[in-house]
Amino acid sequence: MSHILFKDSQTKENLMRAFAGESQARNRYLFSASKARKSNLHVVESVFKYTAEQELAHARVFYDYLKEFAGENLLLNASYPIDVYDDALSLLRAAEHNEYQEFKEEYATFGRIAKEEGFNTIALSFNKIAEIEKTHGDRFKLFADLVEEDRLFESETETQWLCLNCGHIHKGKRAPDLCPVCQHNQGFFVSLSLAPFAK
């Protein structure tokens, strides 16, 4: 059992850093989604929005641990990335980098410190969320690779392409320029194998 009081712990500060980081990541991803939409890359927009919602959930986990400080202001000294780019590839690569950094460095360290200070439940949250951040990094890497290699809407083999707007499934080596059902552009298509909730 820890002899460190929560109010005096490094874990308290790390939770606030993590909450701020998740909050900023969510906003960065919403900004990135908007940029992707302007480039007619609606599938990339969806990836950013989908991940942003998960960052919101992480922020809530970290924030809830701080409830005993309700009504107080906590001083925070930390650094966070500024990822202001106009192209989807740069935004995806920046997100990939940041997610892997959270996974390998920040949350691994925060989890270790929480355990050393005797806050095992918080340590578990840091470690479990670190694993999710790795999944986020893998997702951003996958889509960045597809954009970089100009394979986001093309495949070497016949593929099923899902329209994210209406659900139409097109079969072919390339997503159609326009959905034959809802007339939304190619940017709404994703390989069915990468679509959420697909088998």
Protein backbone atom coordinates (compact mmCIF):
# COMPACT_ATOMS: atom_id res chain seq x y z
CA MET A 1 0.00 0.00 0.00
CA SER A 2 1.34 3.44 -0.93
CA HIS A 3 2.34 5.94 1.72
CA ILE A 4 1.93 8.71 -0.88
CA LEU A 5 -1.28 10.69 -0.64
CA PHE A 6 -3.07 11.05 -3.95
CA LYS A 7 -3.07 14.83 -3.67
CA ASP A 8 0.76 14.80 -3.39
CA SER A 9 1.37 12.16 -6.06
CA GLN A 10 2.94 12.32 -9.47
CA THR A 11 0.01 10.20 -10.61
CA LYS A 12 -2.40 13.08 -9.96
CA GLU A 13 -0.32 15.29 -12.27
CA ASN A 14 -0.01 12.54 -14.87
CA LEU A 15 -3.78 12.09 -14.91
CA MET A 16 -4.20 15.79 -15.61
CA ARG A 17 -1.56 15.61 -18.36
CA ALA A 18 -3.34 12.60 -19.85
CA PHE A 19 -6.73 14.30 -19.65
CA ALA A 20 -5.34 17.40 -21.38
CA GLY A 21 -3.57 15.26 -23.97
CA GLU A 22 -6.68 13.24 -24.81
CA SER A 23 -8.78 16.41 -24.98
CA GLN A 24 -6.30 18.00 -27.36
CA ALA A 25 -6.02 14.85 -29.45
CA ARG A 26 -9.80 14.78 -29.83
CA ASN A 27 -9.84 18.37 -31.05
CA ARG A 28 -6.86 17.82 -33.35
CA TYR A 29 -8.65 14.85 -34.89
CA LEU A 30 -11.84 16.83 -35.39
CA PHE A 31 -9.80 19.58 -37.07
CA SER A 32 -8.09 16.91 -39.21
CA ALA A 33 -11.47 15.42 -40.11
CA SER A 34 -12.56 18.81 -41.37
CA LYS A 35 -9.42 19.11 -43.52
CA ALA A 36 -9.99 15.61 -44.94
CA ARG A 37 -13.60 16.47 -45.78
CA LYS A 38 -12.45 19.56 -47.70
CA SER A 39 -10.19 17.24 -49.73
CA ASN A 40 -13.14 14.91 -50.46
CA LEU A 41 -11.48 12.18 -48.39
CA HIS A 42 -14.58 11.35 -46.39
CA VAL A 43 -13.26 7.94 -45.40
CA VAL A 44 -10.25 9.64 -43.78
CA GLU A 45 -12.64 12.12 -42.18
CA SER A 46 -14.52 9.14 -40.71
CA VAL A 47 -11.30 7.58 -39.38
CA PHE A 48 -10.43 10.80 -37.57
CA LYS A 49 -13.94 11.22 -36.14
CA TYR A 50 -14.14 7.58 -35.06
CA THR A 51 -10.84 7.90 -33.21
CA ALA A 52 -11.80 11.29 -31.75
CA GLU A 53 -14.79 9.70 -30.03
CA GLN A 54 -12.50 7.10 -28.44
CA GLU A 55 -10.18 9.86 -27.23
CA LEU A 56 -13.19 11.49 -25.59
CA ALA A 57 -13.85 8.23 -23.74
CA HIS A 58 -10.22 8.10 -22.57
CA ALA A 59 -10.37 11.70 -21.38
CA ARG A 60 -13.43 10.86 -19.29
CA VAL A 61 -11.63 7.91 -17.64
CA PHE A 62 -8.68 10.10 -16.63
CA TYR A 63 -10.87 13.04 -15.59
CA ASP A 64 -13.10 10.92 -13.36
CA TYR A 65 -10.08 9.88 -11.28
CA LEU A 66 -9.63 13.56 -10.38
CA LYS A 67 -13.11 14.08 -8.91
CA GLU A 68 -11.81 14.68 -5.39
CA PHE A 69 -10.30 17.93 -6.71
CA ALA A 70 -13.66 19.24 -7.99
CA GLY A 71 -13.77 23.02 -7.76
CA GLU A 72 -9.99 23.39 -7.71
CA ASN A 73 -7.58 24.53 -10.39
CA LEU A 74 -4.62 22.24 -10.97
CA LEU A 75 -1.41 23.75 -12.33
CA LEU A 76 -0.07 21.80 -15.28
CA ASN A 77 3.33 21.93 -16.91
CA ALA A 78 3.44 19.82 -20.07
CA SER A 79 4.02 19.97 -23.80
CA TYR A 80 1.66 18.91 -26.58
CA PRO A 81 2.03 18.66 -30.38
CA ILE A 82 0.91 21.27 -32.86
CA ASP A 83 -0.12 19.42 -36.02
CA VAL A 84 -1.41 22.11 -38.36
CA TYR A 85 -1.13 20.69 -41.88
CA ASP A 86 -3.25 21.10 -44.98
CA ASP A 87 -2.87 17.60 -46.43
CA ALA A 88 -4.39 14.35 -45.19
CA LEU A 89 -1.14 12.40 -45.38
CA SER A 90 0.73 14.76 -43.03
CA LEU A 91 -2.21 14.75 -40.63
CA LEU A 92 -2.36 10.94 -40.63
CA ARG A 93 1.40 10.61 -40.12
CA ALA A 94 1.36 13.12 -37.25
CA ALA A 95 -1.51 11.23 -35.61
CA GLU A 96 0.32 7.94 -36.10
CA HIS A 97 3.45 9.35 -34.44
CA ASN A 98 1.55 10.84 -31.50
CA GLU A 99 -0.43 7.67 -30.80
CA TYR A 100 2.69 5.50 -30.80
CA GLN A 101 4.42 8.00 -28.51
CA GLU A 102 1.54 7.81 -26.04
CA PHE A 103 1.66 4.03 -26.22
CA LYS A 104 5.43 3.56 -25.89
CA GLU A 105 6.43 6.51 -23.74
CA GLU A 106 3.83 8.58 -21.91
CA TYR A 107 1.30 6.01 -20.77
CA ALA A 108 3.85 3.29 -20.17
CA THR A 109 5.68 5.71 -17.86
CA PHE A 110 2.47 6.97 -16.24
CA GLY A 111 1.35 3.40 -15.60
CA ARG A 112 4.67 2.44 -14.03
CA ILE A 113 4.65 5.52 -11.76
CA ALA A 114 1.03 4.89 -10.69
CA LYS A 115 1.92 1.32 -9.77
CA GLU A 116 5.04 2.44 -7.84
CA GLU A 117 2.91 4.98 -5.95
CA GLY A 118 0.36 2.31 -5.08
CA PHE A 119 -2.48 3.38 -7.38
CA ASN A 120 -3.00 0.03 -9.07
CA THR A 121 -6.42 0.76 -10.57
CA ILE A 122 -5.10 3.92 -12.20
CA ALA A 123 -2.01 2.04 -13.39
CA LEU A 124 -4.28 -0.50 -15.06
CA SER A 125 -6.21 2.27 -16.82
CA PHE A 126 -2.99 3.82 -18.14
CA ASN A 127 -1.77 0.44 -19.38
CA LYS A 128 -5.07 -0.55 -21.00
CA ILE A 129 -5.49 2.82 -22.70
CA ALA A 130 -1.87 2.59 -23.88
CA GLU A 131 -2.82 -0.61 -25.72
CA ILE A 132 -5.73 1.22 -27.36
CA GLU A 133 -3.41 4.04 -28.43
CA LYS A 134 -1.27 1.44 -30.20
CA THR A 135 -4.40 0.35 -32.08
CA HIS A 136 -5.00 3.99 -33.00
CA GLY A 137 -1.41 4.32 -34.23
CA ASP A 138 -1.79 1.17 -36.32
CA ARG A 139 -5.04 2.51 -37.82
CA PHE A 140 -3.52 5.86 -38.74
CA LYS A 141 -0.46 4.13 -40.19
CA LEU A 142 -2.63 1.87 -42.34
CA PHE A 143 -4.56 4.78 -43.82
CA ALA A 144 -1.43 6.92 -44.20
CA ASP A 145 0.23 4.09 -46.14
CA LEU A 146 -2.83 3.74 -48.37
CA VAL A 147 -2.89 7.48 -49.08
CA GLU A 148 0.86 7.65 -49.65
CA GLU A 149 0.84 4.69 -52.03
CA ASP A 150 -2.30 5.94 -53.82
CA ARG A 151 -4.14 2.75 -52.84
CA LEU A 152 -6.94 4.23 -50.77
CA PHE A 153 -9.50 3.55 -53.53
CA GLU A 154 -7.68 0.90 -55.55
CA SER A 155 -6.73 -2.73 -55.05
CA GLU A 156 -4.70 -5.27 -57.02
CA THR A 157 -7.49 -7.80 -56.60
CA GLU A 158 -11.26 -7.58 -56.82
CA THR A 159 -12.46 -5.98 -53.60
CA GLN A 160 -15.76 -5.08 -52.02
CA TRP A 161 -16.04 -1.31 -51.48
CA LEU A 162 -18.56 0.09 -48.99
CA CYS A 163 -20.15 3.51 -49.41
CA LEU A 164 -20.05 5.07 -45.96
CA ASN A 165 -23.04 7.25 -46.81
CA CYS A 166 -25.68 4.75 -47.93
CA GLY A 167 -24.11 1.31 -47.43
CA HIS A 168 -23.96 0.29 -51.11
CA ILE A 169 -21.32 -2.37 -51.78
CA HIS A 170 -19.43 -2.20 -55.06
CA LYS A 171 -17.24 -5.04 -56.33
CA GLY A 172 -14.13 -4.25 -58.35
CA LYS A 173 -10.46 -3.36 -58.23
CA ARG A 174 -11.35 0.31 -57.79
CA ALA A 175 -14.02 2.17 -55.87
CA PRO A 176 -16.47 3.90 -58.24
CA ASP A 177 -16.11 7.62 -58.91
CA LEU A 178 -19.71 8.08 -57.78
CA CYS A 179 -21.93 5.80 -55.73
CA PRO A 180 -24.63 4.48 -58.09
CA VAL A 181 -27.19 4.62 -55.27
CA CYS A 182 -26.66 7.96 -53.47
CA GLN A 183 -24.33 9.74 -55.92
CA HIS A 184 -21.75 10.50 -53.22
CA ASN A 185 -18.19 10.73 -54.52
CA GLN A 186 -15.42 8.16 -54.30
CA GLY A 187 -14.11 9.70 -51.09
CA PHE A 188 -16.96 8.01 -49.21
CA PHE A 189 -15.80 4.50 -50.15
CA VAL A 190 -13.71 2.20 -48.01
CA SER A 191 -12.63 -1.38 -48.54
CA LEU A 192 -15.24 -3.49 -46.79
CA SER A 193 -12.43 -5.28 -44.94
CA LEU A 194 -11.56 -1.95 -43.24
CA ALA A 195 -15.11 -0.82 -42.52
CA PRO A 196 -16.37 -0.64 -38.95
CA PHE A 197 -18.74 -3.44 -37.99
CA ALA A 198 -17.98 -5.42 -41.15
CA LYS A 199 -17.41 -9.13 -41.07
